[in-house]
């Protein structure tokens, strides 16, 4: 009987530990071709883990060809794999490429907890797609994305965001960066593009690289200051009203209505609503999407599956107002879909079958527990005597405002020396930092287990001398 040592405290999920162990046994020749493996229930009972854990490991081994499955007989080693080749040396960083240090506690905002990804369900759906959609998988998908996925997205948006969008208004793309670049071509480069300041610096860089003139727009306690758009001759503005990055501001309805009035007040004015993590709201009633309030066809809705599933899927989408959607079909039909049809069909089934909604509910519960553990750890260790949190009603990060005994750069450096990775608020400033603003740090909590919050915050407190 296979008896690997599975470590529940390891950041690598149990199913992956089991998969790696079995794969290693096959590659080392200790499990010969034709060897029958224990059933999923038998091995789960032996290792004191769930059947889902064993199923996830077996599914991955089946997908990679290490195992084969025979009906009513079980799982067998497919072939003796060659010994693993030595890993090639790591390539030298490109000139100018920033170093990416590994931290014991990583509070970065760019990723998700991959252990929450529904690998077993996803593997089943992929096998279904391979067996049932083989005639369409190798054909070029619809330029806006396969119809099934666009229909599933439209149904999801209506149920959860109050957005009434026809599938023909939806364009699926390989990441929000790709879609923003296409929007610049669709909307044109005349006039200025406004972005929130502070805000997501990558959006500023993408727009600039596409040849647009970009104007940073200041914020107040209610979000983007609409009156500044006129003064800076902005024609298109990119906003994150459901949970501003990084300040965490939720734009109230009166400010949203003011923004819509601005858009309606001039020709060819548009608002790009980036709803990047709206699925994660932990308190209060949901606030309607800006697009659902728009009666003039001036809001372009943008969202991604990077936060809800995984960034590596590279699946995002936008909802164009009817007039822009018609223009897209007329002038941009020559563009091919940038997302492989395989992933699109699998994601469509994932949404249609209710698995996406259930996955969201589980993920939301897990992340809420981590947020609460982070806040409790800060309180218990006394860190709140020198700082305070904001922006915790929604989204997947918090902002920690500190007193002025250290600068942001000093706080980040001391944290790094203690094995804690943080980002300063100033990294999101697109114009000079206001001198009166206290130092602040951005803490994303998706990659750290709730049980690790207390030791991480205790390390910070000691590193900062509080």
Protein backbone atom coordinates (compact mmCIF):
# COMPACT_ATOMS: atom_id res chain seq x y z
CA UNK A 1 0.00 0.00 0.00
CA UNK A 2 1.27 3.48 -0.87
CA UNK A 3 2.11 5.38 2.31
CA UNK A 4 3.45 8.85 1.53
CA UNK A 5 3.86 11.32 4.37
CA UNK A 6 1.38 14.12 3.73
CA UNK A 7 1.92 17.37 5.60
CA UNK A 8 -1.24 19.35 6.34
CA UNK A 9 0.80 22.42 7.30
CA UNK A 10 2.60 22.52 3.96
CA UNK A 11 1.48 25.30 1.62
CA UNK A 12 1.33 22.72 -1.17
CA UNK A 13 -2.17 21.10 -1.12
CA UNK A 14 -2.49 17.47 -0.08
CA UNK A 15 -3.65 16.24 -3.48
CA UNK A 16 -0.50 17.74 -5.07
CA UNK A 17 1.75 16.14 -2.45
CA UNK A 18 0.16 12.76 -3.20
CA UNK A 19 0.37 13.29 -6.97
CA UNK A 20 4.08 14.19 -6.74
CA UNK A 21 4.82 11.14 -4.59
CA UNK A 22 3.15 8.69 -6.97
CA UNK A 23 4.72 10.33 -10.00
CA UNK A 24 8.14 10.06 -8.35
CA UNK A 25 7.61 6.37 -7.61
CA UNK A 26 6.73 5.74 -11.27
CA UNK A 27 9.65 7.76 -12.61
CA UNK A 28 12.07 5.99 -10.26
CA UNK A 29 10.82 2.61 -11.48
CA UNK A 30 9.51 1.52 -8.09
CA UNK A 31 5.99 1.33 -9.54
CA UNK A 32 6.24 -0.82 -12.67
CA UNK A 33 4.09 -0.62 -15.80
CA UNK A 34 0.83 -2.50 -15.20
CA UNK A 35 0.90 -2.11 -11.41
CA UNK A 36 -2.60 -1.72 -10.03
CA UNK A 37 -3.07 1.19 -7.61
CA UNK A 38 -5.45 1.12 -4.65
CA UNK A 39 -8.97 2.37 -5.25
CA UNK A 40 -9.65 6.00 -4.35
CA UNK A 41 -11.71 5.07 -1.29
CA UNK A 42 -9.18 2.50 -0.09
CA UNK A 43 -6.23 4.85 -0.38
CA UNK A 44 -8.20 7.72 1.18
CA UNK A 45 -9.08 5.55 4.18
CA UNK A 46 -5.47 4.37 4.50
CA UNK A 47 -4.02 7.90 4.41
CA UNK A 48 -6.85 9.44 6.49
CA UNK A 49 -7.61 12.01 3.80
CA UNK A 50 -10.74 12.78 1.77
CA UNK A 51 -11.63 10.87 -1.37
CA UNK A 52 -11.53 14.21 -3.21
CA UNK A 53 -7.81 14.50 -2.35
CA UNK A 54 -7.02 11.11 -3.89
CA UNK A 55 -9.29 11.82 -6.83
CA UNK A 56 -7.44 15.06 -7.56
CA UNK A 57 -4.08 13.27 -7.54
CA UNK A 58 -5.32 10.40 -9.74
CA UNK A 59 -6.97 12.82 -12.19
CA UNK A 60 -3.71 14.70 -12.66
CA UNK A 61 -1.75 11.47 -13.16
CA UNK A 62 -4.35 10.31 -15.70
CA UNK A 63 -4.15 13.61 -17.54
CA UNK A 64 -0.34 13.38 -17.75
CA UNK A 65 -0.37 9.76 -18.92
CA UNK A 66 1.21 8.18 -15.84
CA UNK A 67 -1.94 6.14 -15.15
CA UNK A 68 -4.72 4.55 -17.15
CA UNK A 69 -8.21 3.77 -15.94
CA UNK A 70 -10.00 0.52 -16.78
CA UNK A 71 -13.76 0.31 -16.13
CA UNK A 72 -14.62 -1.87 -13.11
CA UNK A 73 -10.96 -2.76 -12.64
CA UNK A 74 -9.31 0.40 -11.34
CA UNK A 75 -6.19 2.43 -11.97
CA UNK A 76 -2.97 1.03 -13.45
CA UNK A 77 0.49 2.43 -14.09
CA UNK A 78 0.52 3.27 -17.78
CA UNK A 79 4.24 3.03 -18.48
CA UNK A 80 7.58 3.29 -16.83
CA UNK A 81 8.56 6.93 -17.27
CA UNK A 82 12.09 7.90 -18.05
CA UNK A 83 14.07 9.26 -15.10
CA UNK A 84 13.45 12.98 -14.80
CA UNK A 85 15.96 15.09 -16.63
CA UNK A 86 17.97 17.51 -14.55
CA UNK A 87 16.36 20.91 -14.43
CA UNK A 88 18.00 23.42 -16.77
CA UNK A 89 19.79 26.29 -15.11
CA UNK A 90 17.57 29.24 -14.31
CA UNK A 91 17.87 31.94 -16.96
CA UNK A 92 19.55 35.15 -15.95
CA UNK A 93 17.09 37.98 -15.33
CA UNK A 94 16.55 40.28 -18.27
CA UNK A 95 18.23 43.63 -18.01
CA UNK A 96 15.95 45.87 -16.00
CA UNK A 97 13.80 42.98 -14.76
CA UNK A 98 13.04 43.52 -11.06
CA UNK A 99 14.12 40.86 -8.60
CA UNK A 100 11.29 38.84 -7.08
CA UNK A 101 12.36 37.66 -3.65
CA UNK A 102 10.51 34.83 -1.93
CA UNK A 103 9.00 35.65 1.46
CA UNK A 104 7.90 33.37 4.26
CA UNK A 105 4.72 35.48 4.47
CA UNK A 106 3.72 37.04 1.16
CA UNK A 107 1.09 39.81 1.37
CA UNK A 108 1.27 40.61 -2.35
CA UNK A 109 -1.95 41.28 -4.25
CA UNK A 110 -1.09 39.70 -7.58
CA UNK A 111 -2.14 36.10 -6.93
CA UNK A 112 -4.70 33.80 -5.37
CA UNK A 113 -4.56 30.68 -3.22
CA UNK A 114 -4.09 27.97 -5.83
CA UNK A 115 -5.09 25.31 -3.28
CA UNK A 116 -8.67 26.57 -3.63
CA UNK A 117 -8.81 25.86 -7.36
CA UNK A 118 -11.31 23.05 -8.11
CA UNK A 119 -8.82 20.82 -9.90
CA UNK A 120 -10.91 17.66 -9.77
CA UNK A 121 -14.03 19.30 -11.18
CA UNK A 122 -12.03 21.15 -13.81
CA UNK A 123 -10.30 17.94 -14.93
CA UNK A 124 -13.66 16.20 -15.38
CA UNK A 125 -15.01 19.09 -17.43
CA UNK A 126 -11.91 19.12 -19.62
CA UNK A 127 -12.33 15.41 -20.33
CA UNK A 128 -15.98 16.01 -21.21
CA UNK A 129 -15.03 18.79 -23.58
CA UNK A 130 -12.40 16.61 -25.23
CA UNK A 131 -14.87 13.78 -25.79
CA UNK A 132 -17.96 15.79 -26.72
CA UNK A 133 -16.60 18.92 -28.45
CA UNK A 134 -13.78 17.39 -30.46
CA UNK A 135 -15.32 18.51 -33.75
CA UNK A 136 -15.21 22.16 -32.66
CA UNK A 137 -12.04 22.29 -30.55
CA UNK A 138 -9.69 22.54 -33.50
CA UNK A 139 -11.80 25.10 -35.36
CA UNK A 140 -11.25 28.82 -34.89
CA UNK A 141 -13.66 30.09 -32.20
CA UNK A 142 -15.98 33.04 -32.70
CA UNK A 143 -13.95 36.30 -32.69
CA UNK A 144 -15.79 37.50 -29.56
CA UNK A 145 -15.50 34.12 -27.79
CA UNK A 146 -17.50 30.90 -28.03
CA UNK A 147 -21.26 31.44 -27.78
CA UNK A 148 -21.71 29.09 -24.80
CA UNK A 149 -19.26 31.05 -22.65
CA UNK A 150 -20.71 34.43 -23.59
CA UNK A 151 -24.19 33.16 -22.75
CA UNK A 152 -22.98 31.84 -19.38
CA UNK A 153 -21.28 35.16 -18.59
CA UNK A 154 -24.44 37.11 -19.51
CA UNK A 155 -26.56 34.94 -17.20
CA UNK A 156 -24.03 35.30 -14.37
CA UNK A 157 -23.89 39.09 -14.72
CA UNK A 158 -27.68 39.36 -14.60
CA UNK A 159 -27.98 37.21 -11.47
CA UNK A 160 -25.11 38.68 -9.48
CA UNK A 161 -24.49 42.21 -10.78
CA UNK A 162 -27.86 43.29 -12.14
CA UNK A 163 -26.40 43.78 -15.62
CA UNK A 164 -28.66 43.05 -18.56
CA UNK A 165 -26.31 42.28 -21.41
CA UNK A 166 -26.89 40.32 -24.60
CA UNK A 167 -24.17 37.75 -25.39
CA UNK A 168 -23.47 39.68 -28.59
CA UNK A 169 -22.24 42.59 -26.42
CA UNK A 170 -19.60 40.44 -24.72
CA UNK A 171 -16.02 40.07 -25.93
CA UNK A 172 -13.78 37.44 -24.29
CA UNK A 173 -10.05 38.12 -24.23
CA UNK A 174 -6.77 36.81 -22.86
CA UNK A 175 -6.55 39.08 -19.82
CA UNK A 176 -7.72 42.61 -19.10
CA UNK A 177 -4.48 44.01 -20.51
CA UNK A 178 -5.35 42.64 -23.97
CA UNK A 179 -8.89 44.01 -23.81
CA UNK A 180 -7.74 47.49 -22.71
CA UNK A 181 -5.32 47.59 -25.63
CA UNK A 182 -8.16 46.69 -28.01
CA UNK A 183 -10.39 49.34 -26.44
CA UNK A 184 -7.86 52.04 -27.24
CA UNK A 185 -8.11 51.00 -30.88
CA UNK A 186 -11.91 50.95 -30.73
CA UNK A 187 -12.32 54.29 -28.91
CA UNK A 188 -9.44 56.12 -30.58
CA UNK A 189 -6.46 58.02 -29.20
CA UNK A 190 -7.83 61.56 -29.44
CA UNK A 191 -8.49 63.28 -26.13
CA UNK A 192 -7.13 62.07 -22.82
CA UNK A 193 -7.65 58.82 -20.93
CA UNK A 194 -8.16 59.36 -17.21
CA UNK A 195 -6.95 56.91 -14.56
CA UNK A 196 -7.34 56.94 -10.78
CA UNK A 197 -4.45 58.39 -8.76
CA UNK A 198 -3.36 56.51 -6.72
CA UNK A 199 -4.39 53.52 -8.75
CA UNK A 200 -3.35 50.42 -10.63
CA UNK A 201 -0.10 51.57 -12.21
CA UNK A 202 -0.18 48.82 -14.84
CA UNK A 203 -3.29 50.33 -16.45
CA UNK A 204 -1.44 53.63 -16.83
CA UNK A 205 1.48 51.84 -18.50
CA UNK A 206 -0.77 49.86 -20.87
CA UNK A 207 -2.66 52.94 -22.02
CA UNK A 208 0.56 54.88 -22.49
CA UNK A 209 2.15 52.05 -24.46
CA UNK A 210 -0.90 52.06 -26.76
CA UNK A 211 -0.22 55.68 -27.64
CA UNK A 212 -2.95 57.28 -25.50
CA UNK A 213 -2.41 60.49 -23.54
CA UNK A 214 -3.04 59.57 -19.91
CA UNK A 215 -4.13 61.96 -17.16
CA UNK A 216 -3.97 60.88 -13.47
CA UNK A 217 -7.19 61.97 -11.72
CA UNK A 218 -7.13 62.60 -7.94
CA UNK A 219 -9.49 60.92 -5.50
CA UNK A 220 -11.32 61.94 -2.34
CA UNK A 221 -13.15 59.84 0.26
CA UNK A 222 -15.87 58.93 -2.27
CA UNK A 223 -13.55 57.93 -5.09
CA UNK A 224 -12.62 59.62 -8.33
CA UNK A 225 -13.21 63.39 -8.40
CA UNK A 226 -15.52 63.87 -11.36
CA UNK A 227 -14.96 67.62 -11.65
CA UNK A 228 -11.29 67.00 -12.48
CA UNK A 229 -12.26 65.20 -15.69
CA UNK A 230 -13.47 68.39 -17.34
CA UNK A 231 -10.42 70.38 -16.27
CA UNK A 232 -8.05 67.82 -17.79
CA UNK A 233 -10.06 67.32 -21.00
CA UNK A 234 -10.57 63.62 -20.37
CA UNK A 235 -12.69 61.71 -22.89
CA UNK A 236 -12.37 58.14 -21.53
CA UNK A 237 -11.86 57.27 -17.86
CA UNK A 238 -10.89 53.96 -16.24
CA UNK A 239 -12.35 53.45 -12.74
CA UNK A 240 -12.67 50.70 -10.11
CA UNK A 241 -15.88 51.82 -8.34
CA UNK A 242 -16.79 48.59 -6.55
CA UNK A 243 -13.48 48.40 -4.67
CA UNK A 244 -10.85 50.94 -5.59
CA UNK A 245 -7.33 49.65 -5.90
CA UNK A 246 -5.52 50.23 -3.62
CA UNK A 247 -7.47 52.55 -1.28
CA UNK A 248 -10.46 50.20 -1.00
CA UNK A 249 -13.00 53.00 -1.54
CA UNK A 250 -16.48 51.88 -2.62
CA UNK A 251 -17.91 54.65 -4.79
CA UNK A 252 -21.37 55.63 -3.49
CA UNK A 253 -24.35 55.85 -5.84
CA UNK A 254 -24.47 59.70 -5.94
CA UNK A 255 -20.85 59.82 -7.14
CA UNK A 256 -21.60 57.11 -9.70
CA UNK A 257 -24.52 59.12 -11.00
CA UNK A 258 -22.29 62.20 -11.23
CA UNK A 259 -19.82 60.18 -13.30
CA UNK A 260 -22.62 59.04 -15.62
CA UNK A 261 -23.79 62.64 -16.05
CA UNK A 262 -20.23 63.61 -17.02
CA UNK A 263 -20.15 60.82 -19.61
CA UNK A 264 -23.48 61.91 -21.07
CA UNK A 265 -22.36 65.55 -21.22
CA UNK A 266 -20.03 65.27 -24.22
CA UNK A 267 -19.63 63.33 -27.46
CA UNK A 268 -17.69 60.06 -27.41
CA UNK A 269 -17.19 60.08 -23.67
CA UNK A 270 -16.91 56.63 -22.09
CA UNK A 271 -16.33 55.08 -18.68
CA UNK A 272 -14.39 51.81 -18.43
CA UNK A 273 -15.71 50.13 -15.27
CA UNK A 274 -13.11 47.63 -14.03
CA UNK A 275 -15.00 45.29 -11.68
CA UNK A 276 -11.91 43.19 -10.98
CA UNK A 277 -12.83 41.73 -7.55
CA UNK A 278 -16.49 42.63 -7.09
CA UNK A 279 -17.35 39.01 -6.25
CA UNK A 280 -15.70 39.44 -2.85
CA UNK A 281 -17.90 41.68 -0.71
CA UNK A 282 -18.00 40.77 2.98
CA UNK A 283 -20.38 43.26 4.62
CA UNK A 284 -23.39 45.34 3.68
CA UNK A 285 -25.63 44.96 0.67
CA UNK A 286 -24.09 44.78 -2.82
CA UNK A 287 -23.87 48.11 -4.63
CA UNK A 288 -25.14 48.00 -8.24
CA UNK A 289 -22.56 47.93 -10.96
CA UNK A 290 -22.05 51.26 -12.68
CA UNK A 291 -23.04 49.62 -15.95
CA UNK A 292 -26.45 48.62 -14.53
CA UNK A 293 -27.18 52.33 -13.83
CA UNK A 294 -26.18 53.45 -17.31
CA UNK A 295 -29.05 54.40 -19.58
CA UNK A 296 -26.99 56.16 -22.20
CA UNK A 297 -24.66 53.44 -23.44
CA UNK A 298 -21.53 55.09 -22.06
CA UNK A 299 -20.16 52.40 -19.70
CA UNK A 300 -17.87 49.58 -20.84
CA UNK A 301 -17.87 46.83 -18.21
CA UNK A 302 -14.60 44.92 -17.68
CA UNK A 303 -14.03 41.87 -15.48
CA UNK A 304 -11.71 38.90 -15.15
CA UNK A 305 -11.57 35.36 -13.79
CA UNK A 306 -8.05 36.03 -12.46
CA UNK A 307 -9.26 36.62 -8.89
CA UNK A 308 -12.10 34.10 -8.79
CA UNK A 309 -10.24 31.18 -10.43
CA UNK A 310 -6.58 31.78 -11.34
CA UNK A 311 -4.52 34.44 -13.14
CA UNK A 312 -2.91 31.80 -15.34
CA UNK A 313 -6.21 31.01 -17.08
CA UNK A 314 -5.89 34.39 -18.84
CA UNK A 315 -9.65 34.77 -19.33
CA UNK A 316 -11.26 38.20 -19.05
CA UNK A 317 -14.24 39.78 -20.74
CA UNK A 318 -15.86 43.12 -21.49
CA UNK A 319 -19.45 44.17 -22.09
CA UNK A 320 -19.71 46.81 -24.79
CA UNK A 321 -22.67 49.20 -25.09
CA UNK A 322 -24.86 48.19 -28.07
CA UNK A 323 -23.53 50.92 -30.39
CA UNK A 324 -19.90 50.02 -29.66
CA UNK A 325 -20.66 46.30 -30.00
CA UNK A 326 -22.07 46.94 -33.46
CA UNK A 327 -19.01 48.95 -34.39
CA UNK A 328 -16.77 46.17 -33.04
CA UNK A 329 -18.47 43.63 -35.30
CA UNK A 330 -18.22 45.98 -38.25
CA UNK A 331 -14.58 47.12 -37.88
CA UNK A 332 -12.78 44.56 -35.68
CA UNK A 333 -14.20 41.28 -36.93
CA UNK A 334 -10.81 40.36 -38.42
CA UNK A 335 -9.34 39.85 -34.91
CA UNK A 336 -9.20 36.20 -33.86
CA UNK A 337 -10.25 35.15 -30.37
CA UNK A 338 -7.24 35.35 -28.05
CA UNK A 339 -8.42 32.58 -25.69
CA UNK A 340 -8.17 28.90 -26.76
CA UNK A 341 -11.57 27.33 -27.35
CA UNK A 342 -10.67 24.41 -25.03
CA UNK A 343 -10.57 26.67 -21.97
CA UNK A 344 -13.65 28.58 -23.11
CA UNK A 345 -15.82 25.46 -23.42
CA UNK A 346 -14.62 24.12 -20.06
CA UNK A 347 -15.31 27.44 -18.32
CA UNK A 348 -18.76 27.63 -19.93
CA UNK A 349 -19.67 24.23 -18.49
CA UNK A 350 -18.22 25.21 -15.13
CA UNK A 351 -20.56 28.20 -15.03
CA UNK A 352 -23.62 26.54 -16.53
CA UNK A 353 -23.50 23.62 -14.10
CA UNK A 354 -23.48 25.83 -11.00
CA UNK A 355 -19.91 24.87 -10.04
CA UNK A 356 -18.67 28.43 -10.46
CA UNK A 357 -21.24 29.79 -8.02
CA UNK A 358 -20.43 27.08 -5.47
CA UNK A 359 -16.72 27.72 -5.91
CA UNK A 360 -17.28 31.45 -5.33
CA UNK A 361 -19.19 30.75 -2.12
CA UNK A 362 -16.43 28.50 -0.77
CA UNK A 363 -13.68 30.91 -1.78
CA UNK A 364 -15.51 33.91 -0.32
CA UNK A 365 -15.92 32.10 3.00
CA UNK A 366 -12.23 31.13 3.09
CA UNK A 367 -10.97 34.62 2.25
CA UNK A 368 -13.33 36.24 4.75
CA UNK A 369 -11.87 34.02 7.47
CA UNK A 370 -8.37 35.13 6.49
CA UNK A 371 -9.33 38.79 6.57
CA UNK A 372 -10.84 38.36 10.03
CA UNK A 373 -7.75 36.44 11.21
CA UNK A 374 -5.52 39.24 9.93
CA UNK A 375 -7.49 41.91 11.78
CA UNK A 376 -7.63 39.82 14.97
CA UNK A 377 -3.90 39.14 14.86
CA UNK A 378 -3.14 42.85 14.45
CA UNK A 379 -5.33 43.65 17.43
CA UNK A 380 -3.98 40.87 19.64
CA UNK A 381 -0.31 41.66 19.01
CA UNK A 382 -0.75 45.38 19.62
CA UNK A 383 0.01 46.49 16.07
CA UNK A 384 -3.10 48.68 16.02
CA UNK A 385 -1.48 50.90 18.63
CA UNK A 386 0.68 52.29 15.81
CA UNK A 387 -1.61 51.84 12.80
CA UNK A 388 -5.13 51.27 11.51
CA UNK A 389 -6.73 49.33 8.65
CA UNK A 390 -9.11 50.54 5.96
CA UNK A 391 -10.80 49.15 2.87
CA UNK A 392 -11.91 45.85 4.38
CA UNK A 393 -15.59 45.83 3.38
CA UNK A 394 -14.81 44.23 0.02
CA UNK A 395 -11.99 42.93 -2.13
CA UNK A 396 -8.93 40.89 -1.27
CA UNK A 397 -6.57 43.40 0.31
CA UNK A 398 -6.42 45.85 3.19
CA UNK A 399 -4.58 49.12 3.60
CA UNK A 400 -2.54 49.56 6.78
CA UNK A 401 -2.02 53.21 7.74
CA UNK A 402 0.96 53.75 10.05
CA UNK A 403 2.22 56.58 12.21
CA UNK A 404 5.16 58.61 10.96
CA UNK A 405 8.04 57.16 12.95
CA UNK A 406 9.17 55.24 9.82
CA UNK A 407 8.81 56.03 6.12
CA UNK A 408 7.08 53.58 3.77
CA UNK A 409 10.43 52.51 2.33
CA UNK A 410 11.81 51.80 5.82
CA UNK A 411 8.69 49.85 6.82
CA UNK A 412 8.87 47.69 3.68
CA UNK A 413 12.61 47.07 4.09
CA UNK A 414 12.32 46.06 7.75
CA UNK A 415 9.40 43.77 6.92
CA UNK A 416 11.40 42.10 4.14
CA UNK A 417 14.28 41.44 6.53
CA UNK A 418 11.78 39.68 8.79
CA UNK A 419 10.50 37.51 5.93
CA UNK A 420 7.28 39.45 5.29
CA UNK A 421 6.52 40.80 1.82
CA UNK A 422 4.55 44.07 1.63
CA UNK A 423 3.98 46.79 -0.96
CA UNK A 424 3.94 50.52 -0.17
CA UNK A 425 0.98 52.69 -1.15
CA UNK A 426 3.43 54.99 -2.93
CA UNK A 427 3.96 52.25 -5.55
CA UNK A 428 0.48 53.17 -6.81
CA UNK A 429 1.05 56.93 -6.94
CA UNK A 430 0.99 58.33 -10.47
CA UNK A 431 1.90 61.85 -9.35
CA UNK A 432 4.03 63.12 -6.43
CA UNK A 433 3.00 61.70 -3.05
CA UNK A 434 1.05 64.20 -0.92
CA UNK A 435 3.37 65.34 1.86
CA UNK A 436 0.57 65.30 4.44
CA UNK A 437 -0.34 61.67 3.80
CA UNK A 438 0.83 59.18 6.46
CA UNK A 439 2.73 56.08 5.34
CA UNK A 440 0.54 53.18 4.25
CA UNK A 441 1.10 49.56 3.22
CA UNK A 442 -0.96 47.25 1.00
CA UNK A 443 -1.69 43.81 2.48
CA UNK A 444 -3.22 41.20 0.20
CA UNK A 445 -4.27 38.16 2.20
CA UNK A 446 -5.11 35.50 -0.39
CA UNK A 447 -1.80 33.64 -0.15
CA UNK A 448 -1.51 33.33 3.63
CA UNK A 449 -3.43 30.77 5.69
CA UNK A 450 -5.55 32.11 8.54
CA UNK A 451 -3.34 30.23 11.02
CA UNK A 452 -0.26 32.08 9.73
CA UNK A 453 -1.64 35.57 10.30
CA UNK A 454 -0.66 35.75 13.98
CA UNK A 455 3.03 34.84 13.47
CA UNK A 456 3.23 37.12 10.42
CA UNK A 457 1.85 40.14 12.28
CA UNK A 458 4.01 39.40 15.33
CA UNK A 459 7.06 39.45 13.05
CA UNK A 460 5.99 42.81 11.66
CA UNK A 461 5.51 44.28 15.10
CA UNK A 462 9.00 43.19 16.19
CA UNK A 463 10.56 44.34 12.92
CA UNK A 464 9.04 47.78 13.31
CA UNK A 465 9.94 48.08 16.99
CA UNK A 466 6.43 48.57 18.36
